[in-house]
Amino acid sequence: MSKVILITGGSSGIGKSIGTFLHQKGYVVYGTSRNPNQVRESVFPLLQLDVRDVDSIKTAVSELIKKEGKLDVVINNAGVGITGPLEEIPTQEIKNNFEINFFGPIEVIKAVLPQMRSQQSGLIINITSIAGYMGLPYRSVYSASKGALEIITEAIRMEVKPFGIQLTNVAPGDFATNIASGRYHAPLKEDSAYKTPYGNTLKMMDEHVDSGSNPDEMAFAIHKIIETAHPNVHYKVGSFLQRFSIVLKRILPDKMYEKMLMNHYKLK
């Protein structure tokens, strides 16, 4: 029987690319969207789900299991970007980012574990970010939320392994998607002490996304992981330099690595 796969945030970007590719490979794919009725041209069905709403998560998971009788793979892909000087990001926006990027995936995991335990099998893939491996200027909240998801996955992985359930992280670099238009930007204020450096960094971040890799690369990577008997704890998908930046953080002294990042973002 074909594996049944649930992808949160499957209506656009990386999630849509992954879902389309897996659907073409013959898997039974379900995506999710906060407003599935507004989505056109999806080759796989979309369930209504908002990762900030626990009831919608439980309803979507229950509906899928009722239809298919099992759930083999869950891809926690729903996420949102956020930029700005920490001092100028409203606290409510910081909390909202963690609700989507961190607490949302946790609630999805909680909702699917009972079914996977009863099956004595299952794979949960959390889509994090290479930005989660380091504190990036003007992306502090995003780095923190994705880094937290990386670490908690390590712990949950050990808790559920005795039940035949596997967890892994996949950290993408910059891909050509609509994440830049969807992220929260702290406004550039004329009287802000951060106006010039934040403005320059924001422009650089958007250029990186616009010139990013094809999101199909993530689809290929996810497919390979699904077909792997014993997935690793962490995977990184992106350009060589983006992946190498993680290696450099591991081997360079902290201040040297910090200086390298500041030079990259042209910060004094």
Protein backbone atom coordinates (compact mmCIF):
# COMPACT_ATOMS: atom_id res chain seq x y z
CA MET A 1 0.00 0.00 0.00
CA SER A 2 1.13 3.55 -0.73
CA LYS A 3 2.34 5.58 2.20
CA VAL A 4 -0.05 8.25 3.47
CA ILE A 5 1.63 11.62 3.92
CA LEU A 6 0.46 14.83 5.61
CA ILE A 7 2.22 18.12 4.81
CA THR A 8 1.39 21.25 6.80
CA GLY A 9 1.58 24.43 4.77
CA GLY A 10 1.12 22.54 1.53
CA SER A 11 -0.56 25.23 -0.54
CA SER A 12 2.56 27.09 -1.73
CA GLY A 13 6.34 27.25 -1.73
CA ILE A 14 8.40 24.33 -0.47
CA GLY A 15 5.36 22.50 0.88
CA LYS A 16 3.60 22.56 -2.47
CA SER A 17 6.74 21.42 -4.30
CA ILE A 18 7.23 18.53 -1.89
CA GLY A 19 3.58 17.50 -2.09
CA THR A 20 3.45 17.65 -5.87
CA PHE A 21 6.62 15.58 -6.24
CA LEU A 22 5.49 12.93 -3.75
CA HIS A 23 2.06 12.77 -5.38
CA GLN A 24 3.74 12.11 -8.72
CA LYS A 25 5.75 9.33 -7.07
CA GLY A 26 2.52 7.58 -6.13
CA TYR A 27 2.18 8.47 -2.46
CA VAL A 28 -1.19 9.40 -0.97
CA VAL A 29 -0.59 13.07 -0.15
CA TYR A 30 -2.66 15.50 1.90
CA GLY A 31 -1.63 19.10 2.40
CA THR A 32 -3.02 21.71 4.73
CA SER A 33 -3.93 25.36 4.42
CA ARG A 34 -5.65 27.88 6.62
CA ASN A 35 -7.97 28.62 3.69
CA PRO A 36 -8.01 25.60 1.38
CA ASN A 37 -11.03 26.87 -0.58
CA GLN A 38 -8.95 29.80 -1.83
CA VAL A 39 -6.19 27.57 -3.21
CA ARG A 40 -6.24 26.68 -6.90
CA GLU A 41 -4.24 24.18 -8.92
CA SER A 42 -3.31 21.78 -6.11
CA VAL A 43 -2.83 18.23 -7.40
CA PHE A 44 -3.43 16.80 -3.92
CA PRO A 45 -6.27 17.48 -1.45
CA LEU A 46 -5.89 20.23 1.16
CA LEU A 47 -7.31 20.00 4.67
CA GLN A 48 -8.21 23.08 6.68
CA LEU A 49 -5.60 23.53 9.41
CA ASP A 50 -4.09 26.45 11.29
CA VAL A 51 -1.08 25.37 13.35
CA ARG A 52 -2.01 28.02 15.94
CA ASP A 53 -5.39 26.34 16.47
CA VAL A 54 -5.14 23.01 18.32
CA ASP A 55 -8.75 22.08 17.50
CA SER A 56 -8.14 22.52 13.76
CA ILE A 57 -5.05 20.31 14.02
CA LYS A 58 -6.97 17.54 15.79
CA THR A 59 -9.87 17.79 13.33
CA ALA A 60 -7.61 17.59 10.25
CA VAL A 61 -5.62 14.63 11.61
CA SER A 62 -8.81 12.82 12.62
CA GLU A 63 -10.37 13.42 9.19
CA LEU A 64 -7.31 12.10 7.38
CA ILE A 65 -7.07 8.95 9.53
CA LYS A 66 -10.78 8.31 9.12
CA LYS A 67 -10.39 8.45 5.32
CA GLU A 68 -7.15 6.50 5.00
CA GLY A 69 -6.99 4.35 8.14
CA LYS A 70 -3.33 5.18 8.74
CA LEU A 71 -0.75 7.96 8.67
CA ASP A 72 2.80 7.09 7.68
CA VAL A 73 4.63 10.39 7.27
CA VAL A 74 4.07 13.88 8.67
CA ILE A 75 6.02 16.81 7.29
CA ASN A 76 5.89 19.85 9.57
CA ASN A 77 6.49 22.45 6.88
CA ALA A 78 4.20 25.35 7.87
CA GLY A 79 6.30 28.29 8.95
CA VAL A 80 6.73 32.01 8.63
CA GLY A 81 9.66 34.41 8.48
CA ILE A 82 10.21 37.48 10.61
CA THR A 83 12.81 40.24 10.39
CA GLY A 84 13.79 43.33 12.27
CA PRO A 85 15.90 44.70 15.10
CA LEU A 86 14.75 42.85 18.21
CA GLU A 87 14.19 46.17 19.96
CA GLU A 88 11.63 47.19 17.34
CA ILE A 89 9.73 43.92 16.82
CA PRO A 90 6.41 43.97 18.70
CA THR A 91 6.32 41.28 21.36
CA GLN A 92 3.06 39.96 19.95
CA GLU A 93 4.78 39.34 16.59
CA ILE A 94 7.56 37.44 18.36
CA LYS A 95 4.98 35.26 20.12
CA ASN A 96 3.08 34.70 16.87
CA ASN A 97 6.26 33.54 15.15
CA PHE A 98 6.94 30.99 17.87
CA GLU A 99 3.29 29.87 17.75
CA ILE A 100 3.68 29.03 14.06
CA ASN A 101 7.32 27.89 13.84
CA PHE A 102 7.68 26.09 17.17
CA PHE A 103 4.49 25.43 19.11
CA GLY A 104 2.53 24.59 15.94
CA PRO A 105 4.77 21.67 14.95
CA ILE A 106 4.72 20.45 18.56
CA GLU A 107 0.92 20.34 18.55
CA VAL A 108 0.93 18.49 15.22
CA ILE A 109 3.36 15.95 16.66
CA LYS A 110 1.16 15.48 19.73
CA ALA A 111 -1.87 14.94 17.52
CA VAL A 112 -0.29 12.26 15.31
CA LEU A 113 1.72 10.27 17.85
CA PRO A 114 -1.20 8.15 19.16
CA GLN A 115 -1.95 6.88 15.63
CA MET A 116 1.71 6.21 14.90
CA ARG A 117 2.13 4.42 18.23
CA SER A 118 -0.82 2.17 17.45
CA GLN A 119 0.76 1.37 14.06
CA GLN A 120 4.19 0.88 15.66
CA SER A 121 5.53 2.94 12.78
CA GLY A 122 5.74 6.48 11.46
CA LEU A 123 8.08 9.22 10.32
CA ILE A 124 7.90 12.88 11.33
CA ILE A 125 10.01 15.35 9.36
CA ASN A 126 10.40 18.85 10.78
CA ILE A 127 11.37 21.53 8.27
CA THR A 128 13.65 23.93 10.14
CA SER A 129 16.26 26.24 8.61
CA ILE A 130 20.00 26.66 8.26
CA ALA A 131 19.30 29.99 10.00
CA GLY A 132 18.39 27.92 13.05
CA TYR A 133 22.03 26.90 13.49
CA MET A 134 23.24 30.44 14.13
CA GLY A 135 22.02 33.79 15.41
CA LEU A 136 21.62 35.98 12.33
CA PRO A 137 21.37 39.77 12.64
CA TYR A 138 17.85 41.10 12.12
CA ARG A 139 16.57 37.51 12.00
CA SER A 140 17.00 36.81 15.70
CA VAL A 141 13.45 35.58 16.30
CA TYR A 142 13.41 33.37 13.21
CA SER A 143 16.78 31.84 14.07
CA ALA A 144 15.59 31.21 17.64
CA SER A 145 12.27 29.58 16.68
CA LYS A 146 13.86 27.28 14.10
CA GLY A 147 16.80 26.48 16.38
CA ALA A 148 14.37 25.52 19.15
CA LEU A 149 12.57 23.13 16.80
CA GLU A 150 15.90 21.53 15.85
CA ILE A 151 16.80 20.87 19.49
CA ILE A 152 13.41 19.63 20.68
CA THR A 153 13.31 17.19 17.76
CA GLU A 154 16.51 15.59 19.07
CA ALA A 155 14.81 14.92 22.40
CA ILE A 156 11.44 13.71 21.07
CA ARG A 157 13.25 11.40 18.64
CA MET A 158 14.70 9.44 21.57
CA GLU A 159 11.36 9.35 23.42
CA VAL A 160 9.39 7.81 20.56
CA LYS A 161 11.99 5.52 18.98
CA PRO A 162 10.90 2.54 21.18
CA PHE A 163 7.46 2.75 19.49
CA GLY A 164 8.89 2.42 15.99
CA ILE A 165 8.47 6.15 15.29
CA GLN A 166 11.27 8.19 13.74
CA LEU A 167 11.88 11.94 13.76
CA THR A 168 14.31 14.01 11.75
CA ASN A 169 15.07 17.63 10.93
CA VAL A 170 15.60 19.02 7.45
CA ALA A 171 17.15 22.49 7.39
CA PRO A 172 16.81 24.32 4.06
CA GLY A 173 18.87 27.29 3.01
CA ASP A 174 17.54 29.98 0.68
CA PHE A 175 15.02 28.77 -1.88
CA ALA A 176 13.13 30.74 -4.50
CA THR A 177 9.72 30.84 -2.78
CA ASN A 178 7.25 33.45 -1.55
CA ILE A 179 8.58 33.37 2.03
CA ALA A 180 10.02 36.88 1.69
CA SER A 181 6.64 38.37 0.82
CA GLY A 182 4.92 36.44 3.59
CA ARG A 183 7.27 37.22 6.45
CA TYR A 184 6.68 39.93 9.03
CA HIS A 185 8.97 42.90 8.51
CA ALA A 186 9.49 45.35 11.33
CA PRO A 187 8.98 48.68 9.53
CA LEU A 188 11.98 50.75 8.55
CA LYS A 189 11.63 53.84 10.70
CA GLU A 190 13.18 57.12 9.64
CA ASP A 191 14.24 57.88 13.21
CA SER A 192 15.47 54.37 13.97
CA ALA A 193 19.04 53.81 15.12
CA TYR A 194 18.97 50.66 12.97
CA LYS A 195 17.59 52.25 9.78
CA THR A 196 20.64 51.93 7.54
CA PRO A 197 22.07 48.54 8.63
CA TYR A 198 18.62 46.94 8.87
CA GLY A 199 17.60 48.32 5.48
CA ASN A 200 20.76 46.99 3.85
CA THR A 201 20.40 43.59 5.51
CA LEU A 202 16.74 43.35 4.52
CA LYS A 203 17.63 44.02 0.90
CA MET A 204 20.36 41.38 1.01
CA MET A 205 17.99 38.79 2.53
CA ASP A 206 15.37 39.35 -0.16
CA GLU A 207 18.01 39.06 -2.90
CA HIS A 208 19.18 35.74 -1.43
CA VAL A 209 15.65 34.35 -1.58
CA ASP A 210 15.03 35.68 -5.09
CA SER A 211 18.22 34.00 -6.33
CA GLY A 212 17.69 30.91 -4.20
CA SER A 213 17.66 27.29 -5.31
CA ASN A 214 14.73 25.53 -6.93
CA PRO A 215 12.40 24.21 -4.19
CA ASP A 216 12.27 20.92 -6.09
CA GLU A 217 15.65 20.20 -4.48
CA MET A 218 13.86 19.99 -1.15
CA ALA A 219 11.31 17.61 -2.67
CA PHE A 220 14.10 15.29 -3.87
CA ALA A 221 15.73 15.38 -0.42
CA ILE A 222 12.46 14.65 1.40
CA HIS A 223 11.67 11.75 -0.93
CA LYS A 224 15.09 10.24 -0.28
CA ILE A 225 14.58 10.52 3.49
CA ILE A 226 11.16 8.87 3.30
CA GLU A 227 12.74 5.95 1.45
CA THR A 228 15.56 5.67 4.02
CA ALA A 229 15.16 2.92 6.60
CA HIS A 230 16.89 4.82 9.41
CA PRO A 231 16.99 8.58 8.80
CA ASN A 232 19.67 10.75 10.36
CA VAL A 233 18.90 13.26 13.11
CA HIS A 234 19.72 16.29 10.95
CA TYR A 235 19.83 17.06 7.24
CA LYS A 236 20.86 20.31 5.54
CA VAL A 237 19.71 21.22 2.03
CA GLY A 238 21.09 24.28 0.31
CA SER A 239 24.10 25.76 -1.42
CA PHE A 240 27.59 24.61 -0.45
CA LEU A 241 28.37 27.93 1.25
CA GLN A 242 25.19 27.85 3.31
CA ARG A 243 25.88 24.29 4.50
CA PHE A 244 29.57 25.09 5.04
CA SER A 245 28.62 28.02 7.27
CA ILE A 246 27.41 25.47 9.84
CA VAL A 247 30.75 23.66 9.70
CA LEU A 248 32.59 26.96 10.19
CA LYS A 249 30.49 27.76 13.26
CA ARG A 250 31.53 24.43 14.72
CA ILE A 251 35.26 24.91 14.19
CA LEU A 252 35.89 28.66 14.41
CA PRO A 253 36.22 30.62 17.67
CA ASP A 254 32.95 32.39 18.52
CA LYS A 255 34.27 35.92 18.01
CA MET A 256 35.88 35.04 14.70
CA TYR A 257 32.61 33.54 13.45
CA GLU A 258 30.70 36.60 14.68
CA LYS A 259 33.12 38.89 12.82
CA MET A 260 32.67 36.81 9.66
CA LEU A 261 28.88 37.22 9.84
CA MET A 262 29.13 40.94 10.52
CA ASN A 263 31.43 41.37 7.53
CA HIS A 264 29.01 39.39 5.38
CA TYR A 265 26.10 41.65 6.38
CA LYS A 266 28.32 44.76 6.22
CA LEU A 267 27.78 45.59 9.88
CA LYS A 268 30.38 47.63 11.77
